[in-house]
């Protein structure tokens, strides 16, 4: 499950069943991977993630999954 945290400008990734935070990314700013008024999220059928910013951000950023990042249980 994903949670858009526009206050801290972070996208949180949760394990819904366990109720725990798995990861999060982002920080305030205007560069790639940084957010200004993070507002919305959508995933397409290829698991590409689009994050929309509002007010001062006024853009959409696209994030493409990398090998091993599509839900498989990777052992690190």
PDB file of N, CA and C in Angstrom:
ATOM      1  N   UNK A   1       0.846  -1.151   0.000  1.00  0.00           N
ATOM      2  CA  UNK A   1       0.000   0.000   0.000  1.00  0.00           C
ATOM      3  C   UNK A   1       0.905   1.232   0.000  1.00  0.00           C
ATOM      4  N   UNK A   2       0.480   2.274  -0.687  1.00  0.00           N
ATOM      5  CA  UNK A   2       1.252   3.509  -0.775  1.00  0.00           C
ATOM      6  C   UNK A   2       0.519   4.630  -0.051  1.00  0.00           C
ATOM      7  N   UNK A   3       1.287   5.530   0.553  1.00  0.00           N
ATOM      8  CA  UNK A   3       0.718   6.713   1.189  1.00  0.00           C
ATOM      9  C   UNK A   3       1.521   7.928   0.759  1.00  0.00           C
ATOM     10  N   UNK A   4       0.829   8.878   0.155  1.00  0.00           N
ATOM     11  CA  UNK A   4       1.450  10.128  -0.259  1.00  0.00           C
ATOM     12  C   UNK A   4       1.439  11.072   0.935  1.00  0.00           C
ATOM     13  N   UNK A   5       2.620  11.415   1.435  1.00  0.00           N
ATOM     14  CA  UNK A   5       2.771  12.297   2.583  1.00  0.00           C
ATOM     15  C   UNK A   5       3.222  13.668   2.078  1.00  0.00           C
ATOM     16  N   UNK A   6       2.247  14.528   1.772  1.00  0.00           N
ATOM     17  CA  UNK A   6       2.552  15.850   1.247  1.00  0.00           C
ATOM     18  C   UNK A   6       3.162  16.783   2.273  1.00  0.00           C
ATOM     19  N   UNK A   7       3.003  16.479   3.550  1.00  0.00           N
ATOM     20  CA  UNK A   7       3.606  17.310   4.591  1.00  0.00           C
ATOM     21  C   UNK A   7       5.113  17.147   4.659  1.00  0.00           C
ATOM     22  N   UNK A   8       5.568  15.898   4.591  1.00  0.00           N
ATOM     23  CA  UNK A   8       7.007  15.609   4.645  1.00  0.00           C
ATOM     24  C   UNK A   8       7.610  15.388   3.260  1.00  0.00           C
ATOM     25  N   UNK A   9       6.752  15.393   2.215  1.00  0.00           N
ATOM     26  CA  UNK A   9       7.182  15.171   0.826  1.00  0.00           C
ATOM     27  C   UNK A   9       7.848  13.806   0.664  1.00  0.00           C
ATOM     28  N   UNK A  10       7.180  12.775   1.203  1.00  0.00           N
ATOM     29  CA  UNK A  10       7.681  11.399   1.130  1.00  0.00           C
ATOM     30  C   UNK A  10       6.568  10.485   0.641  1.00  0.00           C
ATOM     31  N   UNK A  11       6.910   9.529  -0.198  1.00  0.00           N
ATOM     32  CA  UNK A  11       5.984   8.465  -0.554  1.00  0.00           C
ATOM     33  C   UNK A  11       6.330   7.273   0.333  1.00  0.00           C
ATOM     34  N   UNK A  12       5.393   6.871   1.186  1.00  0.00           N
ATOM     35  CA  UNK A  12       5.597   5.737   2.091  1.00  0.00           C
ATOM     36  C   UNK A  12       5.046   4.466   1.447  1.00  0.00           C
ATOM     37  N   UNK A  13       5.765   3.363   1.637  1.00  0.00           N
ATOM     38  CA  UNK A  13       5.340   2.058   1.138  1.00  0.00           C
ATOM     39  C   UNK A  13       5.108   1.169   2.358  1.00  0.00           C
ATOM     40  N   UNK A  14       3.881   0.675   2.488  1.00  0.00           N
ATOM     41  CA  UNK A  14       3.471  -0.107   3.651  1.00  0.00           C
ATOM     42  C   UNK A  14       3.216  -1.562   3.284  1.00  0.00           C
ATOM     43  N   UNK A  15       3.414  -2.440   4.244  1.00  0.00           N
ATOM     44  CA  UNK A  15       2.906  -3.803   4.186  1.00  0.00           C
ATOM     45  C   UNK A  15       1.551  -3.742   4.879  1.00  0.00           C
ATOM     46  N   UNK A  16       0.499  -3.751   4.102  1.00  0.00           N
ATOM     47  CA  UNK A  16      -0.844  -3.563   4.654  1.00  0.00           C
ATOM     48  C   UNK A  16      -1.219  -4.662   5.638  1.00  0.00           C
ATOM     49  N   UNK A  17      -0.892  -5.893   5.311  1.00  0.00           N
ATOM     50  CA  UNK A  17      -1.257  -7.020   6.174  1.00  0.00           C
ATOM     51  C   UNK A  17      -0.570  -6.935   7.536  1.00  0.00           C
ATOM     52  N   UNK A  18       0.704  -6.573   7.535  1.00  0.00           N
ATOM     53  CA  UNK A  18       1.460  -6.500   8.787  1.00  0.00           C
ATOM     54  C   UNK A  18       1.313  -5.139   9.469  1.00  0.00           C
ATOM     55  N   UNK A  19       0.869  -4.141   8.706  1.00  0.00           N
ATOM     56  CA  UNK A  19       0.726  -2.807   9.268  1.00  0.00           C
ATOM     57  C   UNK A  19       2.045  -2.115   9.546  1.00  0.00           C
ATOM     58  N   UNK A  20       3.055  -2.431   8.732  1.00  0.00           N
ATOM     59  CA  UNK A  20       4.381  -1.850   8.945  1.00  0.00           C
ATOM     60  C   UNK A  20       4.838  -1.058   7.723  1.00  0.00           C
ATOM     61  N   UNK A  21       5.733  -0.120   7.951  1.00  0.00           N
ATOM     62  CA  UNK A  21       6.336   0.651   6.866  1.00  0.00           C
ATOM     63  C   UNK A  21       7.486  -0.168   6.292  1.00  0.00           C
ATOM     64  N   UNK A  22       7.466  -0.385   4.979  1.00  0.00           N
ATOM     65  CA  UNK A  22       8.551  -1.107   4.308  1.00  0.00           C
ATOM     66  C   UNK A  22       9.655  -0.159   3.860  1.00  0.00           C
ATOM     67  N   UNK A  23       9.254   0.989   3.345  1.00  0.00           N
ATOM     68  CA  UNK A  23      10.227   1.946   2.813  1.00  0.00           C
ATOM     69  C   UNK A  23       9.531   3.272   2.567  1.00  0.00           C
ATOM     70  N   UNK A  24      10.324   4.252   2.250  1.00  0.00           N
ATOM     71  CA  UNK A  24       9.822   5.553   1.859  1.00  0.00           C
ATOM     72  C   UNK A  24      10.896   6.266   1.066  1.00  0.00           C
ATOM     73  N   UNK A  25      10.471   7.153   0.172  1.00  0.00           N
ATOM     74  CA  UNK A  25      11.464   7.934  -0.552  1.00  0.00           C
ATOM     75  C   UNK A  25      10.913   9.303  -0.880  1.00  0.00           C
ATOM     76  N   UNK A  26      11.844  10.215  -1.096  1.00  0.00           N
ATOM     77  CA  UNK A  26      11.517  11.583  -1.428  1.00  0.00           C
ATOM     78  C   UNK A  26      11.970  12.533  -0.340  1.00  0.00           C
ATOM     79  N   UNK A  27      12.024  13.792  -0.712  1.00  0.00           N
ATOM     80  CA  UNK A  27      12.329  14.884   0.210  1.00  0.00           C
ATOM     81  C   UNK A  27      11.883  16.169  -0.464  1.00  0.00           C
ATOM     82  N   UNK A  28      11.789  17.258   0.270  1.00  0.00           N
ATOM     83  CA  UNK A  28      11.357  18.509  -0.349  1.00  0.00           C
ATOM     84  C   UNK A  28      12.360  19.000  -1.380  1.00  0.00           C
ATOM     85  N   UNK A  29      11.858  19.515  -2.485  1.00  0.00           N
ATOM     86  CA  UNK A  29      12.728  20.091  -3.508  1.00  0.00           C
ATOM     87  C   UNK A  29      12.102  20.035  -4.880  1.00  0.00           C
ATOM     88  N   UNK A  30      12.851  20.508  -5.863  1.00  0.00           N
ATOM     89  CA  UNK A  30      12.360  20.579  -7.238  1.00  0.00           C
ATOM     90  C   UNK A  30      13.170  19.711  -8.208  1.00  0.00           C
ATOM     91  N   UNK A  31      14.116  18.932  -7.705  1.00  0.00           N
ATOM     92  CA  UNK A  31      14.921  18.063  -8.553  1.00  0.00           C
ATOM     93  C   UNK A  31      14.228  16.702  -8.713  1.00  0.00           C
ATOM     94  N   UNK A  32      14.761  15.869  -9.588  1.00  0.00           N
ATOM     95  CA  UNK A  32      14.205  14.527  -9.792  1.00  0.00           C
ATOM     96  C   UNK A  32      14.227  13.760  -8.475  1.00  0.00           C
ATOM     97  N   UNK A  33      13.093  13.149  -8.125  1.00  0.00           N
ATOM     98  CA  UNK A  33      12.983  12.386  -6.890  1.00  0.00           C
ATOM     99  C   UNK A  33      12.678  13.220  -5.671  1.00  0.00           C
ATOM    100  N   UNK A  34      12.629  14.527  -5.832  1.00  0.00           N
ATOM    101  CA  UNK A  34      12.227  15.426  -4.760  1.00  0.00           C
ATOM    102  C   UNK A  34      10.814  15.912  -5.061  1.00  0.00           C
ATOM    103  N   UNK A  35      10.097  16.338  -4.035  1.00  0.00           N
ATOM    104  CA  UNK A  35       8.699  16.693  -4.225  1.00  0.00           C
ATOM    105  C   UNK A  35       8.358  18.044  -3.627  1.00  0.00           C
ATOM    106  N   UNK A  36       7.421  18.718  -4.265  1.00  0.00           N
ATOM    107  CA  UNK A  36       6.866  19.967  -3.776  1.00  0.00           C
ATOM    108  C   UNK A  36       5.349  19.834  -3.805  1.00  0.00           C
ATOM    109  N   UNK A  37       4.745  19.744  -2.636  1.00  0.00           N
ATOM    110  CA  UNK A  37       3.307  19.522  -2.493  1.00  0.00           C
ATOM    111  C   UNK A  37       2.871  18.216  -3.169  1.00  0.00           C
ATOM    112  N   UNK A  38       3.547  17.124  -2.793  1.00  0.00           N
ATOM    113  CA  UNK A  38       3.195  15.786  -3.278  1.00  0.00           C
ATOM    114  C   UNK A  38       1.721  15.532  -3.003  1.00  0.00           C
ATOM    115  N   UNK A  39       0.994  15.070  -4.017  1.00  0.00           N
ATOM    116  CA  UNK A  39      -0.457  15.033  -3.890  1.00  0.00           C
ATOM    117  C   UNK A  39      -1.102  13.712  -4.300  1.00  0.00           C
ATOM    118  N   UNK A  40      -0.648  13.083  -5.375  1.00  0.00           N
ATOM    119  CA  UNK A  40      -1.360  11.899  -5.879  1.00  0.00           C
ATOM    120  C   UNK A  40      -0.397  10.873  -6.457  1.00  0.00           C
ATOM    121  N   UNK A  41      -0.927   9.651  -6.592  1.00  0.00           N
ATOM    122  CA  UNK A  41      -0.140   8.531  -7.115  1.00  0.00           C
ATOM    123  C   UNK A  41      -1.034   7.658  -7.975  1.00  0.00           C
ATOM    124  N   UNK A  42      -0.452   7.104  -9.030  1.00  0.00           N
ATOM    125  CA  UNK A  42      -1.142   6.111  -9.863  1.00  0.00           C
ATOM    126  C   UNK A  42      -0.089   5.157 -10.417  1.00  0.00           C
ATOM    127  N   UNK A  43      -0.453   3.897 -10.553  1.00  0.00           N
ATOM    128  CA  UNK A  43       0.413   2.899 -11.172  1.00  0.00           C
ATOM    129  C   UNK A  43      -0.268   2.418 -12.439  1.00  0.00           C
ATOM    130  N   UNK A  44       0.519   2.204 -13.505  1.00  0.00           N
ATOM    131  CA  UNK A  44      -0.057   1.660 -14.730  1.00  0.00           C
ATOM    132  C   UNK A  44       0.120   0.144 -14.761  1.00  0.00           C
ATOM    133  N   UNK A  45      -0.293  -0.476 -15.844  1.00  0.00           N
ATOM    134  CA  UNK A  45      -0.275  -1.944 -15.940  1.00  0.00           C
ATOM    135  C   UNK A  45       1.142  -2.523 -15.988  1.00  0.00           C
ATOM    136  N   UNK A  46       2.163  -1.680 -16.224  1.00  0.00           N
ATOM    137  CA  UNK A  46       3.553  -2.129 -16.221  1.00  0.00           C
ATOM    138  C   UNK A  46       4.249  -1.816 -14.902  1.00  0.00           C
ATOM    139  N   UNK A  47       3.481  -1.414 -13.890  1.00  0.00           N
ATOM    140  CA  UNK A  47       3.982  -1.043 -12.564  1.00  0.00           C
ATOM    141  C   UNK A  47       4.805   0.235 -12.561  1.00  0.00           C
ATOM    142  N   UNK A  48       4.705   1.051 -13.629  1.00  0.00           N
ATOM    143  CA  UNK A  48       5.307   2.370 -13.604  1.00  0.00           C
ATOM    144  C   UNK A  48       4.490   3.222 -12.641  1.00  0.00           C
ATOM    145  N   UNK A  49       5.171   4.019 -11.834  1.00  0.00           N
ATOM    146  CA  UNK A  49       4.515   4.847 -10.836  1.00  0.00           C
ATOM    147  C   UNK A  49       4.587   6.304 -11.272  1.00  0.00           C
ATOM    148  N   UNK A  50       3.453   6.977 -11.210  1.00  0.00           N
ATOM    149  CA  UNK A  50       3.379   8.394 -11.545  1.00  0.00           C
ATOM    150  C   UNK A  50       2.943   9.146 -10.297  1.00  0.00           C
ATOM    151  N   UNK A  51       3.758  10.118  -9.870  1.00  0.00           N
ATOM    152  CA  UNK A  51       3.463  10.909  -8.684  1.00  0.00           C
ATOM    153  C   UNK A  51       3.220  12.350  -9.104  1.00  0.00           C
ATOM    154  N   UNK A  52       2.076  12.878  -8.691  1.00  0.00           N
ATOM    155  CA  UNK A  52       1.701  14.233  -9.062  1.00  0.00           C
ATOM    156  C   UNK A  52       1.924  15.214  -7.924  1.00  0.00           C
ATOM    157  N   UNK A  53       2.417  16.389  -8.294  1.00  0.00           N
ATOM    158  CA  UNK A  53       2.625  17.474  -7.343  1.00  0.00           C
ATOM    159  C   UNK A  53       1.678  18.618  -7.709  1.00  0.00           C
ATOM    160  N   UNK A  54       1.332  19.414  -6.705  1.00  0.00           N
ATOM    161  CA  UNK A  54       0.405  20.514  -6.914  1.00  0.00           C
ATOM    162  C   UNK A  54       1.040  21.829  -6.450  1.00  0.00           C
ATOM    163  N   UNK A  55       0.331  22.884  -6.549  1.00  0.00           N
ATOM    164  CA  UNK A  55       0.729  24.244  -6.168  1.00  0.00           C
ATOM    165  C   UNK A  55       2.105  24.572  -6.759  1.00  0.00           C
ATOM    166  N   UNK A  56       3.171  24.660  -5.943  1.00  0.00           N
ATOM    167  CA  UNK A  56       4.496  25.038  -6.435  1.00  0.00           C
ATOM    168  C   UNK A  56       5.202  23.967  -7.241  1.00  0.00           C
ATOM    169  N   UNK A  57       4.763  22.710  -7.138  1.00  0.00           N
ATOM    170  CA  UNK A  57       5.408  21.626  -7.892  1.00  0.00           C
ATOM    171  C   UNK A  57       4.918  21.577  -9.320  1.00  0.00           C
ATOM    172  N   UNK A  58       3.595  21.493  -9.493  1.00  0.00           N
ATOM    173  CA  UNK A  58       2.930  21.489 -10.798  1.00  0.00           C
ATOM    174  C   UNK A  58       3.600  20.585 -11.830  1.00  0.00           C
ATOM    175  N   UNK A  59       3.813  19.339 -11.466  1.00  0.00           N
ATOM    176  CA  UNK A  59       4.391  18.377 -12.412  1.00  0.00           C
ATOM    177  C   UNK A  59       4.001  16.969 -12.010  1.00  0.00           C
ATOM    178  N   UNK A  60       4.325  16.032 -12.910  1.00  0.00           N
ATOM    179  CA  UNK A  60       4.169  14.605 -12.653  1.00  0.00           C
ATOM    180  C   UNK A  60       5.536  13.976 -12.871  1.00  0.00           C
ATOM    181  N   UNK A  61       5.951  13.127 -11.932  1.00  0.00           N
ATOM    182  CA  UNK A  61       7.208  12.391 -12.086  1.00  0.00           C
ATOM    183  C   UNK A  61       6.884  10.921 -12.301  1.00  0.00           C
ATOM    184  N   UNK A  62       7.640  10.292 -13.190  1.00  0.00           N
ATOM    185  CA  UNK A  62       7.460   8.878 -13.494  1.00  0.00           C
ATOM    186  C   UNK A  62       8.622   8.091 -12.898  1.00  0.00           C
ATOM    187  N   UNK A  63       8.278   6.995 -12.206  1.00  0.00           N
ATOM    188  CA  UNK A  63       9.275   6.095 -11.635  1.00  0.00           C
ATOM    189  C   UNK A  63       9.050   4.709 -12.227  1.00  0.00           C
ATOM    190  N   UNK A  64      10.113   4.131 -12.775  1.00  0.00           N
ATOM    191  CA  UNK A  64      10.051   2.842 -13.454  1.00  0.00           C
ATOM    192  C   UNK A  64      10.643   1.777 -12.540  1.00  0.00           C
ATOM    193  N   UNK A  65       9.939   0.651 -12.352  1.00  0.00           N
ATOM    194  CA  UNK A  65      10.501  -0.402 -11.493  1.00  0.00           C
ATOM    195  C   UNK A  65      11.773  -0.987 -12.106  1.00  0.00           C
ATOM    196  N   UNK A  66      12.685  -1.374 -11.221  1.00  0.00           N
ATOM    197  CA  UNK A  66      13.917  -2.013 -11.684  1.00  0.00           C
ATOM    198  C   UNK A  66      13.818  -3.509 -11.420  1.00  0.00           C
ATOM    199  N   UNK A  67      14.644  -4.263 -12.052  1.00  0.00           N
ATOM    200  CA  UNK A  67      14.652  -5.726 -11.907  1.00  0.00           C
ATOM    201  C   UNK A  67      14.666  -6.117 -10.433  1.00  0.00           C
ATOM    202  N   UNK A  68      13.762  -7.018 -10.044  1.00  0.00           N
ATOM    203  CA  UNK A  68      13.684  -7.503  -8.681  1.00  0.00           C
ATOM    204  C   UNK A  68      12.862  -6.623  -7.761  1.00  0.00           C
ATOM    205  N   UNK A  69      12.238  -5.577  -8.297  1.00  0.00           N
ATOM    206  CA  UNK A  69      11.472  -4.627  -7.487  1.00  0.00           C
ATOM    207  C   UNK A  69       9.972  -4.737  -7.714  1.00  0.00           C
ATOM    208  N   UNK A  70       9.495  -5.818  -8.290  1.00  0.00           N
ATOM    209  CA  UNK A  70       8.083  -5.899  -8.638  1.00  0.00           C
ATOM    210  C   UNK A  70       7.313  -6.866  -7.746  1.00  0.00           C
ATOM    211  N   UNK A  71       7.633  -6.889  -6.473  1.00  0.00           N
ATOM    212  CA  UNK A  71       6.856  -7.667  -5.529  1.00  0.00           C
ATOM    213  C   UNK A  71       7.400  -9.046  -5.216  1.00  0.00           C
ATOM    214  N   UNK A  72       8.469  -9.478  -5.877  1.00  0.00           N
ATOM    215  CA  UNK A  72       9.029 -10.772  -5.556  1.00  0.00           C
ATOM    216  C   UNK A  72       9.650 -10.709  -4.161  1.00  0.00           C
ATOM    217  N   UNK A  73       9.714 -11.839  -3.495  1.00  0.00           N
ATOM    218  CA  UNK A  73      10.365 -11.899  -2.183  1.00  0.00           C
ATOM    219  C   UNK A  73      11.867 -12.072  -2.383  1.00  0.00           C
ATOM    220  N   UNK A  74      12.574 -10.966  -2.467  1.00  0.00           N
ATOM    221  CA  UNK A  74      14.020 -10.991  -2.640  1.00  0.00           C
ATOM    222  C   UNK A  74      14.685 -11.183  -1.287  1.00  0.00           C
ATOM    223  N   UNK A  75      15.672 -12.020  -1.225  1.00  0.00           N
ATOM    224  CA  UNK A  75      16.462 -12.199  -0.018  1.00  0.00           C
ATOM    225  C   UNK A  75      17.748 -11.404  -0.179  1.00  0.00           C
ATOM    226  N   UNK A  76      17.935 -10.389   0.642  1.00  0.00           N
ATOM    227  CA  UNK A  76      19.143  -9.546   0.568  1.00  0.00           C
ATOM    228  C   UNK A  76      20.055  -9.818   1.717  1.00  0.00           C
TER     229      UNK A  76
END
